[in-house]
N, C-alpha and C. Protein backbone atom coordinates (compact mmCIF):
# COMPACT_ATOMS: atom_id res chain seq x y z
N MET A 1 6.11 40.12 -59.75
CA MET A 1 6.85 38.78 -60.28
C MET A 1 5.74 37.97 -60.36
N THR A 2 5.98 37.21 -61.67
CA THR A 2 4.98 36.19 -62.01
C THR A 2 5.84 34.89 -61.95
N HIS A 3 5.15 33.83 -61.34
CA HIS A 3 5.61 32.42 -61.28
C HIS A 3 4.87 31.67 -62.26
N LEU A 4 5.72 31.23 -63.25
CA LEU A 4 5.22 30.07 -64.07
C LEU A 4 4.78 28.91 -63.60
N ILE A 5 3.87 28.36 -63.77
CA ILE A 5 3.40 27.16 -63.32
C ILE A 5 3.39 26.18 -64.49
N GLU A 6 4.14 25.33 -64.51
CA GLU A 6 4.35 24.03 -65.45
C GLU A 6 2.86 23.28 -65.20
N THR A 7 2.64 23.07 -66.18
CA THR A 7 1.03 22.22 -66.42
C THR A 7 1.80 20.69 -66.84
N PRO A 8 1.33 19.56 -66.21
CA PRO A 8 1.82 18.24 -66.47
C PRO A 8 1.30 17.94 -68.05
N ARG A 9 2.23 17.32 -68.69
CA ARG A 9 1.93 16.75 -70.19
C ARG A 9 1.37 15.97 -70.14
N PRO A 10 0.42 15.58 -71.00
CA PRO A 10 -0.23 14.19 -71.05
C PRO A 10 0.62 13.28 -71.33
N SER A 11 0.57 12.09 -70.74
CA SER A 11 1.34 11.00 -71.02
C SER A 11 1.21 10.32 -72.62
N ARG A 12 2.17 10.39 -73.45
CA ARG A 12 2.30 10.12 -74.66
C ARG A 12 1.88 8.42 -74.56
N GLN A 13 0.78 7.83 -75.32
CA GLN A 13 0.90 6.64 -75.36
C GLN A 13 1.70 5.95 -76.46
N LYS A 14 2.25 4.85 -76.13
CA LYS A 14 3.29 4.11 -76.92
C LYS A 14 2.35 3.61 -78.44
N ARG A 15 2.51 3.53 -79.50
CA ARG A 15 2.17 3.03 -80.75
C ARG A 15 2.10 1.55 -80.42
N PRO A 16 1.37 0.63 -81.05
CA PRO A 16 1.39 -0.50 -81.06
C PRO A 16 2.66 -1.19 -82.00
N PHE A 17 3.23 -2.27 -81.61
CA PHE A 17 4.17 -2.82 -82.46
C PHE A 17 4.23 -2.39 -84.00
N PHE A 18 3.19 -3.09 -84.51
CA PHE A 18 2.98 -2.79 -85.91
C PHE A 18 2.88 -1.34 -86.55
N LEU A 19 2.79 -0.36 -85.71
CA LEU A 19 2.82 1.01 -86.15
C LEU A 19 4.08 1.69 -85.84
N ARG A 20 5.22 1.16 -85.31
CA ARG A 20 6.25 1.61 -85.12
C ARG A 20 7.34 1.54 -86.30
N ARG A 21 7.95 2.58 -86.47
CA ARG A 21 8.65 2.56 -87.74
C ARG A 21 9.96 1.77 -87.64
N GLY A 22 10.68 1.78 -86.56
CA GLY A 22 12.07 0.99 -86.18
C GLY A 22 12.19 -0.76 -86.49
N PRO A 23 10.93 -1.20 -85.92
CA PRO A 23 10.68 -2.51 -85.95
C PRO A 23 10.26 -3.25 -87.07
N MET A 24 9.31 -2.17 -87.82
CA MET A 24 8.90 -2.92 -89.00
C MET A 24 9.54 -2.64 -90.05
N GLU A 25 10.48 -1.53 -90.25
CA GLU A 25 11.84 -1.43 -91.18
C GLU A 25 12.63 -2.82 -90.81
N ASN A 26 12.83 -3.24 -89.60
CA ASN A 26 13.75 -4.40 -89.67
C ASN A 26 12.84 -5.68 -90.20
N ILE A 27 11.70 -5.82 -89.96
CA ILE A 27 11.03 -6.89 -90.51
C ILE A 27 10.97 -6.95 -92.02
N ALA A 28 10.90 -5.71 -92.49
CA ALA A 28 10.53 -5.46 -94.09
C ALA A 28 12.02 -5.80 -94.66
N THR A 29 13.23 -5.22 -94.07
CA THR A 29 14.61 -5.78 -94.57
C THR A 29 14.76 -7.43 -94.41
N ALA A 30 14.42 -7.94 -93.26
CA ALA A 30 14.39 -9.32 -93.11
C ALA A 30 13.39 -10.13 -94.40
N LEU A 31 12.44 -9.42 -94.59
CA LEU A 31 11.75 -10.19 -95.64
C LEU A 31 12.48 -10.33 -97.30
N ILE A 32 12.96 -8.66 -97.34
CA ILE A 32 13.62 -8.59 -98.84
C ILE A 32 14.88 -9.94 -98.33
N ALA A 33 15.75 -9.94 -97.65
CA ALA A 33 16.89 -10.66 -97.40
C ALA A 33 16.29 -12.26 -97.44
N VAL A 34 15.10 -12.78 -97.16
CA VAL A 34 14.62 -13.83 -97.34
C VAL A 34 14.12 -14.06 -98.74
N GLY A 35 13.62 -13.29 -99.32
CA GLY A 35 13.43 -13.17 -100.69
C GLY A 35 14.56 -13.53 -101.82
N PHE A 36 15.51 -12.77 -101.21
CA PHE A 36 16.68 -12.78 -101.92
C PHE A 36 17.60 -14.21 -101.69
N LEU A 37 17.44 -14.83 -100.48
CA LEU A 37 18.17 -16.15 -100.30
C LEU A 37 17.00 -17.21 -100.99
N MET A 38 15.78 -17.19 -101.15
CA MET A 38 14.82 -18.01 -101.85
C MET A 38 15.27 -17.84 -103.41
N LEU A 39 15.56 -16.80 -103.93
CA LEU A 39 15.85 -16.67 -105.36
C LEU A 39 17.10 -17.29 -105.72
N PHE A 40 18.33 -17.46 -104.72
CA PHE A 40 19.33 -17.84 -104.98
C PHE A 40 19.87 -19.42 -104.77
N GLN A 41 19.03 -20.01 -103.85
CA GLN A 41 18.89 -21.52 -103.33
C GLN A 41 18.65 -22.42 -104.67
N PRO A 42 19.19 -23.30 -104.68
CA PRO A 42 19.23 -24.27 -105.80
C PRO A 42 18.60 -25.45 -105.24
N PHE A 43 17.75 -25.91 -104.13
CA PHE A 43 17.24 -26.94 -103.99
C PHE A 43 15.64 -27.24 -103.84
N LEU A 44 14.74 -26.29 -103.72
CA LEU A 44 13.46 -26.25 -103.96
C LEU A 44 13.01 -25.05 -104.92
N LEU A 45 12.23 -25.93 -105.85
CA LEU A 45 11.56 -24.96 -107.04
C LEU A 45 10.46 -24.03 -106.46
N VAL A 46 9.69 -24.59 -105.24
CA VAL A 46 8.85 -23.59 -104.83
C VAL A 46 9.25 -22.49 -104.20
N LEU A 47 10.41 -22.63 -103.41
CA LEU A 47 11.10 -21.35 -102.80
C LEU A 47 11.52 -20.39 -103.98
N TYR A 48 12.08 -20.78 -105.10
CA TYR A 48 12.26 -20.15 -106.18
C TYR A 48 11.26 -19.44 -106.81
N THR A 49 10.19 -20.13 -106.80
CA THR A 49 8.79 -19.62 -107.46
C THR A 49 8.20 -18.54 -106.55
N TYR A 50 8.32 -18.21 -105.38
CA TYR A 50 7.68 -17.44 -104.44
C TYR A 50 8.81 -16.26 -104.22
N SER A 51 10.01 -16.37 -104.54
CA SER A 51 10.87 -15.64 -104.21
C SER A 51 10.64 -13.90 -104.80
N LEU A 52 10.23 -13.98 -105.98
CA LEU A 52 10.00 -12.41 -106.52
C LEU A 52 8.60 -11.83 -105.55
N VAL A 53 7.61 -12.72 -105.37
CA VAL A 53 6.83 -12.17 -104.44
C VAL A 53 7.08 -11.89 -103.23
N THR A 54 8.09 -12.53 -102.68
CA THR A 54 8.41 -12.25 -101.27
C THR A 54 9.09 -10.92 -101.48
N LEU A 55 10.11 -10.59 -102.24
CA LEU A 55 10.95 -9.42 -102.40
C LEU A 55 10.06 -8.36 -102.79
N LEU A 56 9.07 -8.30 -103.68
CA LEU A 56 7.99 -7.48 -103.75
C LEU A 56 7.36 -7.19 -102.86
N ALA A 57 6.97 -7.97 -101.87
CA ALA A 57 6.29 -7.74 -100.69
C ALA A 57 7.06 -6.86 -99.63
N GLY A 58 8.59 -7.53 -99.54
CA GLY A 58 9.24 -6.79 -98.62
C GLY A 58 9.75 -5.23 -99.16
N THR A 59 9.65 -4.87 -100.21
CA THR A 59 10.15 -3.69 -100.72
C THR A 59 8.82 -2.97 -100.52
N ALA A 60 7.66 -3.16 -100.93
CA ALA A 60 6.43 -2.50 -100.91
C ALA A 60 6.22 -2.04 -99.32
N MET A 61 6.44 -3.10 -98.54
CA MET A 61 6.24 -2.94 -96.89
C MET A 61 7.36 -1.82 -96.56
N PHE A 62 8.71 -1.94 -96.75
CA PHE A 62 9.75 -1.07 -96.61
C PHE A 62 9.19 0.42 -97.04
N ILE A 63 8.88 0.41 -98.26
CA ILE A 63 8.61 1.87 -98.68
C ILE A 63 7.31 2.51 -97.94
N ILE A 64 6.37 1.72 -97.50
CA ILE A 64 5.15 2.19 -96.74
C ILE A 64 5.70 2.45 -95.43
N VAL A 65 6.05 1.58 -94.87
CA VAL A 65 6.74 1.92 -93.55
C VAL A 65 7.47 3.04 -93.08
N SER A 66 8.43 2.85 -94.12
CA SER A 66 9.52 4.40 -94.07
C SER A 66 8.86 5.77 -93.88
N LYS A 67 7.69 5.53 -94.30
CA LYS A 67 6.75 6.97 -94.13
C LYS A 67 5.97 6.99 -92.58
N PHE A 68 6.13 5.98 -91.85
CA PHE A 68 5.82 6.11 -90.69
C PHE A 68 6.58 7.15 -89.61
N PRO A 69 5.85 7.89 -88.45
CA PRO A 69 6.51 8.64 -87.82
C PRO A 69 7.49 7.83 -86.93
N GLU A 70 8.56 8.49 -86.48
CA GLU A 70 9.39 7.70 -85.52
C GLU A 70 8.86 7.42 -84.07
């Protein structure tokens, strides 16, 4: 009769915040939403000017972050 001995698993370290998929996808989505609001606000020209850059940055960030492991 053989007894299986369970070996303890090495404790898996948590990834830093900026390397986790869930929170970074939320930040990227918020950045896209801010860019969208900047695009359609009628008050400040400087917000309108940087709205496309903000949208593109959020979209690129979302594409990159969506490849991170869970």
